[in-house]
Amino acid sequence: MGRDPHIPDAFDVVTVVVLRRPADAPAMSDTALDTLQAEHLAYRAELVRGGVLVANGPFGEQSDEAYRGMSIFACGPAEAARLSEADPSVVAGRLVYDVMEWWVAAGTLAFPAASTPVATRRSLPD
């Protein structure tokens, strides 16, 4: 029996962070929320300028409004967690995050604005 041609021989593995609003997020005034959002966006922009954050943005229509946005990092999961921990919205308790590796068929994602490699190439074990 031959190998299934729909299963890739190689994968590009990227680090993904998904931001969520926790059920127990602290209540804040509109002014405080506006300030916090500006700080959150400025922090994310600094990560982009530093080359560690290569794709980032909020979710639109979704089945669960707790999910707020997603980022793809050009670093491993531990570093992405460390950087996410310092996000002002995470520090304030308005957001929490999940970090994971995402395995996609090699060559299916491109990050033309990235100045360094984003993914690591891996194969599934036999």
N, C-alpha and C. Protein backbone atom coordinates (compact mmCIF):
# COMPACT_ATOMS: atom_id res chain seq x y z
N MET A 1 0.85 -1.18 0.00
CA MET A 1 0.00 0.00 0.00
C MET A 1 0.90 1.24 0.00
N GLY A 2 0.66 2.16 -0.91
CA GLY A 2 1.46 3.36 -1.05
C GLY A 2 1.08 4.45 -0.06
N ARG A 3 1.91 5.44 -0.02
CA ARG A 3 1.68 6.59 0.85
C ARG A 3 0.55 7.43 0.29
N ASP A 4 -0.30 7.96 1.16
CA ASP A 4 -1.42 8.82 0.75
C ASP A 4 -0.86 10.14 0.23
N PRO A 5 -1.12 10.51 -1.03
CA PRO A 5 -0.56 11.75 -1.58
C PRO A 5 -1.14 13.01 -0.94
N HIS A 6 -2.20 12.87 -0.15
CA HIS A 6 -2.80 14.03 0.52
C HIS A 6 -2.18 14.33 1.87
N ILE A 7 -1.28 13.46 2.31
CA ILE A 7 -0.58 13.68 3.56
C ILE A 7 0.81 14.19 3.21
N PRO A 8 1.16 15.38 3.63
CA PRO A 8 2.46 15.97 3.26
C PRO A 8 3.64 15.17 3.82
N ASP A 9 4.75 15.22 3.09
CA ASP A 9 6.00 14.63 3.57
C ASP A 9 6.66 15.54 4.60
N ALA A 10 6.42 16.83 4.47
CA ALA A 10 7.05 17.80 5.36
C ALA A 10 6.03 18.85 5.77
N PHE A 11 6.28 19.41 6.93
CA PHE A 11 5.39 20.43 7.49
C PHE A 11 6.20 21.66 7.87
N ASP A 12 5.57 22.82 7.78
CA ASP A 12 6.11 24.04 8.36
C ASP A 12 5.38 24.24 9.67
N VAL A 13 6.12 24.35 10.75
CA VAL A 13 5.54 24.49 12.08
C VAL A 13 5.71 25.92 12.54
N VAL A 14 4.59 26.59 12.84
CA VAL A 14 4.61 27.96 13.32
C VAL A 14 4.00 28.01 14.71
N THR A 15 4.36 29.05 15.45
CA THR A 15 3.82 29.26 16.79
C THR A 15 2.63 30.21 16.69
N VAL A 16 1.50 29.77 17.20
CA VAL A 16 0.26 30.54 17.18
C VAL A 16 -0.14 30.89 18.61
N VAL A 17 -0.59 32.11 18.80
CA VAL A 17 -1.17 32.54 20.07
C VAL A 17 -2.59 33.00 19.78
N VAL A 18 -3.54 32.44 20.51
CA VAL A 18 -4.94 32.85 20.40
C VAL A 18 -5.30 33.60 21.68
N LEU A 19 -5.81 34.80 21.50
CA LEU A 19 -6.22 35.63 22.65
C LEU A 19 -7.71 35.43 22.91
N ARG A 20 -8.06 35.28 24.20
CA ARG A 20 -9.45 35.10 24.61
C ARG A 20 -9.79 36.06 25.73
N ARG A 21 -11.05 36.44 25.79
CA ARG A 21 -11.56 37.22 26.92
C ARG A 21 -12.04 36.23 27.98
N PRO A 22 -11.45 36.25 29.17
CA PRO A 22 -11.90 35.31 30.20
C PRO A 22 -13.26 35.71 30.77
N ALA A 23 -13.98 34.74 31.28
CA ALA A 23 -15.30 35.00 31.86
C ALA A 23 -15.21 35.95 33.04
N ASP A 24 -14.06 35.93 33.73
CA ASP A 24 -13.91 36.78 34.92
C ASP A 24 -13.08 38.04 34.64
N ALA A 25 -13.08 38.51 33.39
CA ALA A 25 -12.33 39.73 33.06
C ALA A 25 -12.84 40.88 33.93
N PRO A 26 -11.94 41.69 34.46
CA PRO A 26 -12.39 42.78 35.32
C PRO A 26 -13.17 43.84 34.54
N ALA A 27 -14.18 44.38 35.18
CA ALA A 27 -14.93 45.48 34.58
C ALA A 27 -14.06 46.73 34.60
N MET A 28 -14.15 47.51 33.52
CA MET A 28 -13.38 48.74 33.43
C MET A 28 -14.25 49.80 32.78
N SER A 29 -13.95 51.05 33.07
CA SER A 29 -14.67 52.16 32.45
C SER A 29 -14.32 52.21 30.97
N ASP A 30 -15.15 52.87 30.18
CA ASP A 30 -14.86 53.02 28.75
C ASP A 30 -13.53 53.72 28.53
N THR A 31 -13.24 54.72 29.34
CA THR A 31 -11.97 55.44 29.21
C THR A 31 -10.80 54.52 29.50
N ALA A 32 -10.90 53.73 30.55
CA ALA A 32 -9.82 52.79 30.89
C ALA A 32 -9.66 51.73 29.81
N LEU A 33 -10.79 51.26 29.25
CA LEU A 33 -10.72 50.27 28.17
C LEU A 33 -10.07 50.85 26.92
N ASP A 34 -10.40 52.09 26.60
CA ASP A 34 -9.78 52.75 25.44
C ASP A 34 -8.26 52.88 25.63
N THR A 35 -7.85 53.27 26.84
CA THR A 35 -6.43 53.40 27.14
C THR A 35 -5.74 52.05 27.05
N LEU A 36 -6.36 51.03 27.63
CA LEU A 36 -5.79 49.69 27.61
C LEU A 36 -5.68 49.16 26.18
N GLN A 37 -6.69 49.39 25.36
CA GLN A 37 -6.65 48.94 23.97
C GLN A 37 -5.50 49.62 23.22
N ALA A 38 -5.31 50.90 23.45
CA ALA A 38 -4.21 51.62 22.81
C ALA A 38 -2.86 51.03 23.24
N GLU A 39 -2.72 50.70 24.52
CA GLU A 39 -1.49 50.10 25.02
C GLU A 39 -1.28 48.71 24.42
N HIS A 40 -2.35 47.94 24.33
CA HIS A 40 -2.29 46.59 23.73
C HIS A 40 -1.82 46.68 22.28
N LEU A 41 -2.43 47.58 21.51
CA LEU A 41 -2.06 47.73 20.10
C LEU A 41 -0.63 48.23 19.95
N ALA A 42 -0.21 49.14 20.81
CA ALA A 42 1.17 49.65 20.75
C ALA A 42 2.16 48.54 21.09
N TYR A 43 1.84 47.71 22.05
CA TYR A 43 2.71 46.60 22.42
C TYR A 43 2.84 45.62 21.25
N ARG A 44 1.71 45.28 20.64
CA ARG A 44 1.74 44.37 19.49
C ARG A 44 2.52 44.98 18.33
N ALA A 45 2.36 46.26 18.10
CA ALA A 45 3.10 46.93 17.02
C ALA A 45 4.59 46.87 17.29
N GLU A 46 5.00 47.01 18.54
CA GLU A 46 6.42 46.92 18.88
C GLU A 46 6.96 45.52 18.60
N LEU A 47 6.16 44.49 18.89
CA LEU A 47 6.57 43.12 18.58
C LEU A 47 6.72 42.92 17.07
N VAL A 48 5.84 43.54 16.29
CA VAL A 48 5.95 43.48 14.82
C VAL A 48 7.24 44.17 14.38
N ARG A 49 7.48 45.38 14.90
CA ARG A 49 8.70 46.10 14.54
C ARG A 49 9.95 45.30 14.90
N GLY A 50 9.89 44.55 16.00
CA GLY A 50 11.02 43.74 16.42
C GLY A 50 11.17 42.45 15.64
N GLY A 51 10.22 42.16 14.76
CA GLY A 51 10.32 40.99 13.90
C GLY A 51 9.88 39.68 14.52
N VAL A 52 9.41 39.71 15.75
CA VAL A 52 9.00 38.46 16.40
C VAL A 52 7.53 38.13 16.16
N LEU A 53 6.73 39.13 15.85
CA LEU A 53 5.31 38.93 15.55
C LEU A 53 5.12 39.20 14.06
N VAL A 54 4.70 38.17 13.31
CA VAL A 54 4.67 38.31 11.85
C VAL A 54 3.27 38.40 11.26
N ALA A 55 2.27 37.97 11.99
CA ALA A 55 0.88 38.11 11.55
C ALA A 55 0.04 38.25 12.81
N ASN A 56 -0.93 39.15 12.76
CA ASN A 56 -1.64 39.50 13.98
C ASN A 56 -2.94 40.18 13.62
N GLY A 57 -4.00 39.87 14.33
CA GLY A 57 -5.23 40.59 14.10
C GLY A 57 -6.41 40.03 14.87
N PRO A 58 -7.47 40.83 14.94
CA PRO A 58 -8.68 40.40 15.67
C PRO A 58 -9.53 39.47 14.83
N PHE A 59 -10.39 38.72 15.51
CA PHE A 59 -11.37 37.89 14.83
C PHE A 59 -12.60 38.73 14.54
N GLY A 60 -13.29 38.39 13.46
CA GLY A 60 -14.58 39.00 13.13
C GLY A 60 -15.68 38.08 13.63
N GLU A 61 -16.54 37.71 12.73
CA GLU A 61 -17.64 36.82 13.11
C GLU A 61 -17.07 35.47 13.55
N GLN A 62 -17.54 35.00 14.69
CA GLN A 62 -17.10 33.70 15.20
C GLN A 62 -18.18 33.10 16.06
N SER A 63 -18.07 31.81 16.30
CA SER A 63 -19.09 31.11 17.08
C SER A 63 -18.98 31.37 18.57
N ASP A 64 -17.84 31.86 19.03
CA ASP A 64 -17.63 32.14 20.45
C ASP A 64 -16.99 33.51 20.58
N GLU A 65 -17.73 34.46 21.10
CA GLU A 65 -17.26 35.85 21.22
C GLU A 65 -16.09 36.01 22.19
N ALA A 66 -15.79 34.98 22.97
CA ALA A 66 -14.65 35.07 23.88
C ALA A 66 -13.33 35.14 23.11
N TYR A 67 -13.30 34.54 21.91
CA TYR A 67 -12.08 34.59 21.11
C TYR A 67 -11.92 35.98 20.53
N ARG A 68 -10.77 36.60 20.79
CA ARG A 68 -10.56 38.00 20.41
C ARG A 68 -9.62 38.18 19.23
N GLY A 69 -8.58 37.34 19.12
CA GLY A 69 -7.63 37.52 18.03
C GLY A 69 -6.59 36.43 18.01
N MET A 70 -5.75 36.47 16.97
CA MET A 70 -4.73 35.46 16.78
C MET A 70 -3.45 36.11 16.29
N SER A 71 -2.32 35.52 16.68
CA SER A 71 -1.01 36.00 16.27
C SER A 71 -0.16 34.82 15.86
N ILE A 72 0.71 35.05 14.88
CA ILE A 72 1.72 34.07 14.51
C ILE A 72 3.08 34.69 14.83
N PHE A 73 3.84 33.96 15.64
CA PHE A 73 5.14 34.43 16.12
C PHE A 73 6.27 33.73 15.39
N ALA A 74 7.38 34.43 15.23
CA ALA A 74 8.60 33.87 14.64
C ALA A 74 9.54 33.46 15.77
N CYS A 75 9.03 32.65 16.68
CA CYS A 75 9.79 32.13 17.81
C CYS A 75 9.07 30.89 18.31
N GLY A 76 9.66 30.23 19.26
CA GLY A 76 9.04 29.04 19.83
C GLY A 76 7.92 29.37 20.79
N PRO A 77 7.17 28.34 21.19
CA PRO A 77 6.04 28.55 22.11
C PRO A 77 6.41 29.19 23.45
N ALA A 78 7.54 28.82 24.02
CA ALA A 78 7.92 29.38 25.33
C ALA A 78 8.16 30.89 25.23
N GLU A 79 8.85 31.33 24.18
CA GLU A 79 9.10 32.76 24.00
C GLU A 79 7.80 33.50 23.68
N ALA A 80 6.94 32.89 22.87
CA ALA A 80 5.65 33.52 22.55
C ALA A 80 4.80 33.67 23.81
N ALA A 81 4.85 32.69 24.70
CA ALA A 81 4.13 32.79 25.98
C ALA A 81 4.69 33.91 26.83
N ARG A 82 6.02 33.99 26.89
CA ARG A 82 6.66 35.06 27.68
C ARG A 82 6.25 36.43 27.16
N LEU A 83 6.26 36.59 25.85
CA LEU A 83 5.89 37.88 25.26
C LEU A 83 4.39 38.16 25.44
N SER A 84 3.57 37.15 25.36
CA SER A 84 2.13 37.33 25.55
C SER A 84 1.81 37.70 26.99
N GLU A 85 2.57 37.15 27.90
CA GLU A 85 2.38 37.44 29.34
C GLU A 85 2.59 38.92 29.63
N ALA A 86 3.42 39.59 28.83
CA ALA A 86 3.72 41.01 29.04
C ALA A 86 2.75 41.95 28.32
N ASP A 87 1.83 41.41 27.54
CA ASP A 87 0.84 42.25 26.85
C ASP A 87 0.01 42.99 27.89
N PRO A 88 -0.15 44.30 27.77
CA PRO A 88 -0.91 45.06 28.78
C PRO A 88 -2.32 44.52 29.04
N SER A 89 -2.99 44.01 28.03
CA SER A 89 -4.34 43.47 28.23
C SER A 89 -4.32 42.16 29.00
N VAL A 90 -3.25 41.39 28.86
CA VAL A 90 -3.08 40.17 29.65
C VAL A 90 -2.73 40.55 31.09
N VAL A 91 -1.82 41.48 31.25
CA VAL A 91 -1.44 41.95 32.59
C VAL A 91 -2.66 42.46 33.34
N ALA A 92 -3.56 43.16 32.64
CA ALA A 92 -4.75 43.73 33.27
C ALA A 92 -5.85 42.69 33.50
N GLY A 93 -5.67 41.48 32.98
CA GLY A 93 -6.69 40.44 33.17
C GLY A 93 -7.83 40.49 32.18
N ARG A 94 -7.76 41.37 31.20
CA ARG A 94 -8.83 41.47 30.18
C ARG A 94 -8.70 40.40 29.10
N LEU A 95 -7.48 39.87 28.91
CA LEU A 95 -7.25 38.80 27.94
C LEU A 95 -6.42 37.70 28.59
N VAL A 96 -6.63 36.50 28.12
CA VAL A 96 -5.77 35.36 28.41
C VAL A 96 -5.37 34.79 27.06
N TYR A 97 -4.43 33.88 27.05
CA TYR A 97 -3.94 33.38 25.77
C TYR A 97 -3.71 31.87 25.82
N ASP A 98 -3.74 31.29 24.64
CA ASP A 98 -3.36 29.89 24.43
C ASP A 98 -2.22 29.92 23.41
N VAL A 99 -1.19 29.13 23.65
CA VAL A 99 -0.05 29.04 22.75
C VAL A 99 0.00 27.61 22.21
N MET A 100 0.25 27.51 20.91
CA MET A 100 0.34 26.18 20.30
C MET A 100 1.22 26.21 19.07
N GLU A 101 1.68 25.04 18.68
CA GLU A 101 2.34 24.89 17.39
C GLU A 101 1.27 24.49 16.38
N TRP A 102 1.37 25.05 15.18
CA TRP A 102 0.45 24.72 14.10
C TRP A 102 1.27 24.12 12.97
N TRP A 103 0.96 22.89 12.63
CA TRP A 103 1.65 22.15 11.58
C TRP A 103 0.84 22.27 10.30
N VAL A 104 1.42 22.86 9.28
CA VAL A 104 0.75 22.99 7.98
C VAL A 104 1.66 22.42 6.90
N ALA A 105 1.06 21.97 5.82
CA ALA A 105 1.86 21.40 4.73
C ALA A 105 2.95 22.39 4.33
N ALA A 106 4.16 21.88 4.17
CA ALA A 106 5.31 22.72 3.83
C ALA A 106 5.01 23.55 2.59
N GLY A 107 5.32 24.83 2.70
CA GLY A 107 5.17 25.74 1.57
C GLY A 107 3.79 26.34 1.39
N THR A 108 2.83 26.03 2.28
CA THR A 108 1.48 26.57 2.10
C THR A 108 1.28 27.94 2.73
N LEU A 109 2.17 28.34 3.63
CA LEU A 109 2.08 29.66 4.24
C LEU A 109 3.30 30.48 3.84
N ALA A 110 3.09 31.75 3.64
CA ALA A 110 4.21 32.65 3.33
C ALA A 110 4.05 33.91 4.17
N PHE A 111 5.16 34.45 4.60
CA PHE A 111 5.19 35.67 5.39
C PHE A 111 6.18 36.62 4.73
N PRO A 112 5.77 37.27 3.65
CA PRO A 112 6.70 38.07 2.85
C PRO A 112 7.31 39.26 3.60
N ALA A 113 6.66 39.74 4.63
CA ALA A 113 7.20 40.88 5.36
C ALA A 113 8.17 40.46 6.46
N ALA A 114 8.26 39.17 6.74
CA ALA A 114 9.15 38.69 7.81
C ALA A 114 10.60 38.81 7.38
N SER A 115 11.43 39.28 8.30
CA SER A 115 12.86 39.44 7.99
C SER A 115 13.67 38.20 8.38
N THR A 116 13.06 37.29 9.13
CA THR A 116 13.71 36.05 9.53
C THR A 116 12.76 34.89 9.27
N PRO A 117 13.26 33.67 9.25
CA PRO A 117 12.36 32.51 9.06
C PRO A 117 11.31 32.48 10.17
N VAL A 118 10.10 32.11 9.79
CA VAL A 118 8.99 32.05 10.75
C VAL A 118 8.75 30.62 11.19
N ALA A 119 8.80 29.69 10.26
CA ALA A 119 8.48 28.29 10.55
C ALA A 119 9.73 27.44 10.62
N THR A 120 9.58 26.32 11.27
CA THR A 120 10.61 25.29 11.23
C THR A 120 10.05 24.13 10.42
N ARG A 121 10.87 23.56 9.57
CA ARG A 121 10.44 22.45 8.70
C ARG A 121 10.61 21.15 9.48
N ARG A 122 9.53 20.36 9.51
CA ARG A 122 9.57 19.07 10.22
C ARG A 122 8.85 18.01 9.39
N SER A 123 9.15 16.77 9.72
CA SER A 123 8.47 15.63 9.11
C SER A 123 7.78 14.84 10.21
N LEU A 124 6.72 14.15 9.84
CA LEU A 124 6.07 13.27 10.80
C LEU A 124 6.95 12.04 11.00
N PRO A 125 6.97 11.50 12.20
CA PRO A 125 7.73 10.26 12.39
C PRO A 125 7.09 9.14 11.56
N ASP A 126 7.90 8.20 11.11
CA ASP A 126 7.37 7.06 10.33
C ASP A 126 6.50 6.16 11.17
